[in-house]
C-alpha atoms as a PDB file:
ATOM      1  CA  MET A   1      -1.166  44.815 -44.928  1.00  0.00           C
ATOM      2  CA  LEU A   2      -2.747  47.515 -47.289  1.00  0.00           C
ATOM      3  CA  LEU A   3      -2.036  45.966 -50.644  1.00  0.00           C
ATOM      4  CA  GLY A   4      -1.584  42.516 -49.587  1.00  0.00           C
ATOM      5  CA  SER A   5       1.282  40.259 -49.866  1.00  0.00           C
ATOM      6  CA  LYS A   6       0.236  38.318 -52.701  1.00  0.00           C
ATOM      7  CA  ARG A   7       0.627  40.559 -56.243  1.00  0.00           C
ATOM      8  CA  GLY A   8       0.448  39.340 -59.755  1.00  0.00           C
ATOM      9  CA  ARG A   9      -1.565  39.258 -62.749  1.00  0.00           C
ATOM     10  CA  PRO A  10      -3.946  36.296 -61.960  1.00  0.00           C
ATOM     11  CA  GLN A  11      -4.601  37.798 -58.662  1.00  0.00           C
ATOM     12  CA  GLU A  12      -5.595  40.796 -60.115  1.00  0.00           C
ATOM     13  CA  ALA A  13      -7.838  39.240 -62.754  1.00  0.00           C
ATOM     14  CA  LEU A  14      -9.365  37.201 -59.828  1.00  0.00           C
ATOM     15  CA  LEU A  15     -10.076  40.388 -57.845  1.00  0.00           C
ATOM     16  CA  ILE A  16     -11.527  42.313 -60.971  1.00  0.00           C
ATOM     17  CA  GLY A  17     -13.577  39.447 -61.828  1.00  0.00           C
ATOM     18  CA  LEU A  18     -15.062  39.439 -58.261  1.00  0.00           C
ATOM     19  CA  GLY A  19     -15.740  42.741 -58.110  1.00  0.00           C
ATOM     20  CA  LEU A  20     -17.826  42.951 -60.994  1.00  0.00           C
ATOM     21  CA  GLY A  21     -19.494  39.718 -60.036  1.00  0.00           C
ATOM     22  CA  LEU A  22     -20.193  41.446 -56.593  1.00  0.00           C
ATOM     23  CA  PHE A  23     -21.767  44.529 -58.176  1.00  0.00           C
ATOM     24  CA  ALA A  24     -23.802  42.486 -60.490  1.00  0.00           C
ATOM     25  CA  LEU A  25     -25.020  40.037 -57.951  1.00  0.00           C
ATOM     26  CA  THR A  26     -25.951  42.971 -55.630  1.00  0.00           C
ATOM     27  CA  PHE A  27     -27.545  44.708 -58.120  1.00  0.00           C
ATOM     28  CA  LEU A  28     -29.491  41.670 -59.611  1.00  0.00           C
ATOM     29  CA  ALA A  29     -30.452  40.483 -56.122  1.00  0.00           C
ATOM     30  CA  TYR A  30     -32.077  44.170 -54.925  1.00  0.00           C
ATOM     31  CA  GLU A  31     -33.922  44.113 -58.517  1.00  0.00           C
ATOM     32  CA  LEU A  32     -35.393  40.927 -58.346  1.00  0.00           C
ATOM     33  CA  ASN A  33     -36.591  41.372 -54.757  1.00  0.00           C
ATOM     34  CA  ILE A  34     -34.242  38.390 -53.588  1.00  0.00           C
ATOM     35  CA  PHE A  35     -32.594  41.355 -51.073  1.00  0.00           C
ATOM     36  CA  TYR A  36     -35.162  44.054 -50.008  1.00  0.00           C
ATOM     37  CA  HIS A  37     -35.471  46.826 -47.798  1.00  0.00           C
ATOM     38  CA  SER A  38     -37.442  47.178 -44.927  1.00  0.00           C
ATOM     39  CA  GLY A  39     -38.707  50.664 -45.581  1.00  0.00           C
ATOM     40  CA  GLY A  40     -37.703  53.937 -44.227  1.00  0.00           C
ATOM     41  CA  VAL A  41     -34.449  55.545 -44.647  1.00  0.00           C
ATOM     42  CA  VAL A  42     -31.685  52.937 -45.390  1.00  0.00           C
ATOM     43  CA  PHE A  43     -27.989  54.455 -44.374  1.00  0.00           C
ATOM     44  CA  ILE A  44     -26.485  50.947 -44.469  1.00  0.00           C
ATOM     45  CA  PRO A  45     -28.222  48.102 -46.883  1.00  0.00           C
ATOM     46  CA  PHE A  46     -27.756  44.967 -44.626  1.00  0.00           C
ATOM     47  CA  HIS A  47     -27.512  42.455 -47.726  1.00  0.00           C
ATOM     48  CA  ALA A  48     -25.095  44.759 -49.589  1.00  0.00           C
ATOM     49  CA  ALA A  49     -23.051  45.135 -46.519  1.00  0.00           C
ATOM     50  CA  PHE A  50     -23.003  41.313 -45.600  1.00  0.00           C
ATOM     51  CA  LEU A  51     -21.927  40.804 -49.200  1.00  0.00           C
ATOM     52  CA  GLY A  52     -19.170  43.299 -48.586  1.00  0.00           C
ATOM     53  CA  VAL A  53     -17.964  41.818 -45.229  1.00  0.00           C
ATOM     54  CA  ALA A  54     -17.672  38.069 -46.894  1.00  0.00           C
ATOM     55  CA  ALA A  55     -15.673  39.676 -49.409  1.00  0.00           C
ATOM     56  CA  ALA A  56     -13.511  41.672 -46.982  1.00  0.00           C
ATOM     57  CA  PHE A  57     -13.422  38.464 -45.092  1.00  0.00           C
ATOM     58  CA  TRP A  58     -11.842  36.606 -48.112  1.00  0.00           C
ATOM     59  CA  THR A  59      -9.481  39.121 -48.690  1.00  0.00           C
ATOM     60  CA  GLY A  60      -8.120  39.112 -44.959  1.00  0.00           C
ATOM     61  CA  TYR A  61      -7.859  35.538 -44.944  1.00  0.00           C
ATOM     62  CA  SER A  62      -5.991  35.150 -48.525  1.00  0.00           C
ATOM     63  CA  ARG A  63      -3.790  37.904 -47.524  1.00  0.00           C
ATOM     64  CA  THR A  64      -4.924  40.078 -50.548  1.00  0.00           C
ATOM     65  CA  GLY A  65      -5.097  43.466 -48.591  1.00  0.00           C
ATOM     66  CA  LEU A  66      -7.121  45.895 -47.279  1.00  0.00           C
ATOM     67  CA  LEU A  67      -7.567  47.807 -50.378  1.00  0.00           C
ATOM     68  CA  ALA A  68      -8.838  45.157 -52.179  1.00  0.00           C
ATOM     69  CA  GLY A  69     -11.343  44.526 -49.520  1.00  0.00           C
ATOM     70  CA  TRP A  70     -12.498  47.964 -49.388  1.00  0.00           C
ATOM     71  CA  VAL A  71     -12.881  48.026 -52.959  1.00  0.00           C
ATOM     72  CA  LEU A  72     -15.087  44.758 -53.165  1.00  0.00           C
ATOM     73  CA  THR A  73     -17.386  45.939 -50.437  1.00  0.00           C
ATOM     74  CA  TYR A  74     -17.559  49.690 -52.197  1.00  0.00           C
ATOM     75  CA  LEU A  75     -18.577  47.769 -55.289  1.00  0.00           C
ATOM     76  CA  SER A  76     -21.317  45.382 -53.156  1.00  0.00           C
ATOM     77  CA  PHE A  77     -22.910  48.949 -52.246  1.00  0.00           C
ATOM     78  CA  LEU A  78     -22.424  50.502 -55.461  1.00  0.00           C
ATOM     79  CA  GLY A  79     -24.663  47.513 -56.939  1.00  0.00           C
ATOM     80  CA  TRP A  80     -27.365  48.274 -54.141  1.00  0.00           C
ATOM     81  CA  ARG A  81     -27.340  52.174 -55.149  1.00  0.00           C
ATOM     82  CA  THR A  82     -27.525  51.435 -58.749  1.00  0.00           C
ATOM     83  CA  GLU A  83     -30.401  49.815 -58.488  1.00  0.00           C
ATOM     84  CA  TRP A  84     -32.229  52.360 -57.547  1.00  0.00           C
ATOM     85  CA  ALA A  85     -32.038  53.872 -60.853  1.00  0.00           C
ATOM     86  CA  THR A  86     -34.347  51.110 -62.277  1.00  0.00           C
ATOM     87  CA  ASP A  87     -36.947  51.323 -59.683  1.00  0.00           C
ATOM     88  CA  ILE A  88     -40.557  52.593 -60.958  1.00  0.00           C
ATOM     89  CA  SER A  89     -40.217  56.120 -60.071  1.00  0.00           C
ATOM     90  CA  PRO A  90     -42.273  59.328 -61.544  1.00  0.00           C
ATOM     91  CA  ARG A  91     -38.861  61.092 -61.591  1.00  0.00           C
ATOM     92  CA  PRO A  92     -37.314  61.045 -65.230  1.00  0.00           C
ATOM     93  CA  PHE A  93     -34.491  58.444 -65.807  1.00  0.00           C
ATOM     94  CA  ILE A  94     -31.835  61.246 -65.991  1.00  0.00           C
ATOM     95  CA  GLU A  95     -32.383  62.251 -62.536  1.00  0.00           C
ATOM     96  CA  ARG A  96     -32.313  58.528 -61.129  1.00  0.00           C
ATOM     97  CA  ILE A  97     -28.962  58.373 -62.918  1.00  0.00           C
ATOM     98  CA  ALA A  98     -27.697  61.631 -61.370  1.00  0.00           C
ATOM     99  CA  TYR A  99     -28.750  60.222 -58.319  1.00  0.00           C
ATOM    100  CA  VAL A 100     -26.459  57.498 -58.365  1.00  0.00           C
ATOM    101  CA  VAL A 101     -23.366  59.147 -59.535  1.00  0.00           C
ATOM    102  CA  GLN A 102     -23.862  62.117 -57.067  1.00  0.00           C
ATOM    103  CA  PRO A 103     -20.306  62.955 -55.546  1.00  0.00           C
ATOM    104  CA  ASP A 104     -21.582  63.336 -52.315  1.00  0.00           C
ATOM    105  CA  GLY A 105     -23.627  59.892 -52.138  1.00  0.00           C
ATOM    106  CA  LEU A 106     -20.850  58.110 -53.381  1.00  0.00           C
ATOM    107  CA  VAL A 107     -18.153  59.576 -50.945  1.00  0.00           C
ATOM    108  CA  ALA A 108     -20.777  58.625 -48.479  1.00  0.00           C
ATOM    109  CA  LEU A 109     -20.945  54.993 -49.578  1.00  0.00           C
ATOM    110  CA  ALA A 110     -16.647  54.873 -49.555  1.00  0.00           C
ATOM    111  CA  ILE A 111     -16.584  55.644 -45.772  1.00  0.00           C
ATOM    112  CA  ILE A 112     -19.311  53.431 -44.906  1.00  0.00           C
ATOM    113  CA  GLY A 113     -17.205  51.090 -47.061  1.00  0.00           C
ATOM    114  CA  VAL A 114     -14.173  51.434 -45.091  1.00  0.00           C
ATOM    115  CA  GLY A 115     -15.762  50.500 -41.923  1.00  0.00           C
ATOM    116  CA  VAL A 116     -17.723  47.624 -43.295  1.00  0.00           C
ATOM    117  CA  ALA A 117     -14.335  46.566 -45.013  1.00  0.00           C
ATOM    118  CA  VAL A 118     -12.316  46.721 -42.041  1.00  0.00           C
ATOM    119  CA  ILE A 119     -14.744  44.324 -39.924  1.00  0.00           C
ATOM    120  CA  GLY A 120     -14.581  41.672 -42.437  1.00  0.00           C
ATOM    121  CA  PHE A 121     -10.718  42.046 -43.205  1.00  0.00           C
ATOM    122  CA  THR A 122      -9.999  42.004 -39.439  1.00  0.00           C
ATOM    123  CA  ALA A 123     -12.054  38.778 -38.971  1.00  0.00           C
ATOM    124  CA  GLY A 124     -10.499  37.113 -42.098  1.00  0.00           C
ATOM    125  CA  THR A 125      -7.171  37.759 -40.527  1.00  0.00           C
ATOM    126  CA  LEU A 126      -7.785  36.626 -37.533  1.00  0.00           C
ATOM    127  CA  ALA A 127      -9.240  33.572 -38.854  1.00  0.00           C
ATOM    128  CA  ARG A 128      -6.212  33.012 -40.895  1.00  0.00           C
ATOM    129  CA  LYS A 129      -3.971  33.276 -37.860  1.00  0.00           C
ATOM    130  CA  GLY A 130      -5.972  31.074 -35.801  1.00  0.00           C
ATOM    131  CA  ILE A 131      -5.975  28.367 -38.597  1.00  0.00           C
ATOM    132  CA  ASP A 132      -2.246  28.765 -39.141  1.00  0.00           C
ATOM    133  CA  ALA A 133      -1.806  28.551 -35.402  1.00  0.00           C
ATOM    134  CA  LEU A 134      -3.779  25.230 -35.391  1.00  0.00           C
ATOM    135  CA  ARG A 135      -1.952  23.565 -38.238  1.00  0.00           C
ATOM    136  CA  THR A 136       1.694  24.324 -36.842  1.00  0.00           C
ATOM    137  CA  GLY A 137       0.749  23.128 -33.365  1.00  0.00           C
ATOM    138  CA  PRO A 138       1.803  24.323 -29.980  1.00  0.00           C
ATOM    139  CA  GLN A 139       5.191  25.682 -30.314  1.00  0.00           C
ATOM    140  CA  THR A 140       7.482  24.926 -27.339  1.00  0.00           C
ATOM    141  CA  ALA A 141      10.530  26.571 -26.222  1.00  0.00           C
ATOM    142  CA  THR A 142      13.521  24.202 -25.660  1.00  0.00           C
ATOM    143  CA  ASN A 143      16.736  25.246 -23.697  1.00  0.00           C
ATOM    144  CA  ASP A 144      19.728  23.509 -24.628  1.00  0.00           C
END
């Protein structure tokens, strides 16, 4: 369940591409104000979390593994955090970069990512089981 039942080069390439795409999508969407903050202190960015849940849902549905779901979710959150370094700020650029790679912030995002990924992965796994059950039809026991 942690690593998934499907492994191999094509699957790894797909996951790497999807992860980089999620990072870039989240970064650009916040940068271009397609995704936005409502203001105040933001602990869990809604739009980045939504993308993370969708990615983790896919990993649960495709049986790719919870670890892959967490990495995809984390990269979505990291795209949001990296966008902060490009904001107009009176702080020097090096301080903004230091904020992005600050270990306590990265660990906090990792922990939040675990919770978000588990929700999406569980929903994807349940959806897969439900669809598989509908495809196979009702199972009846026969006594001979």
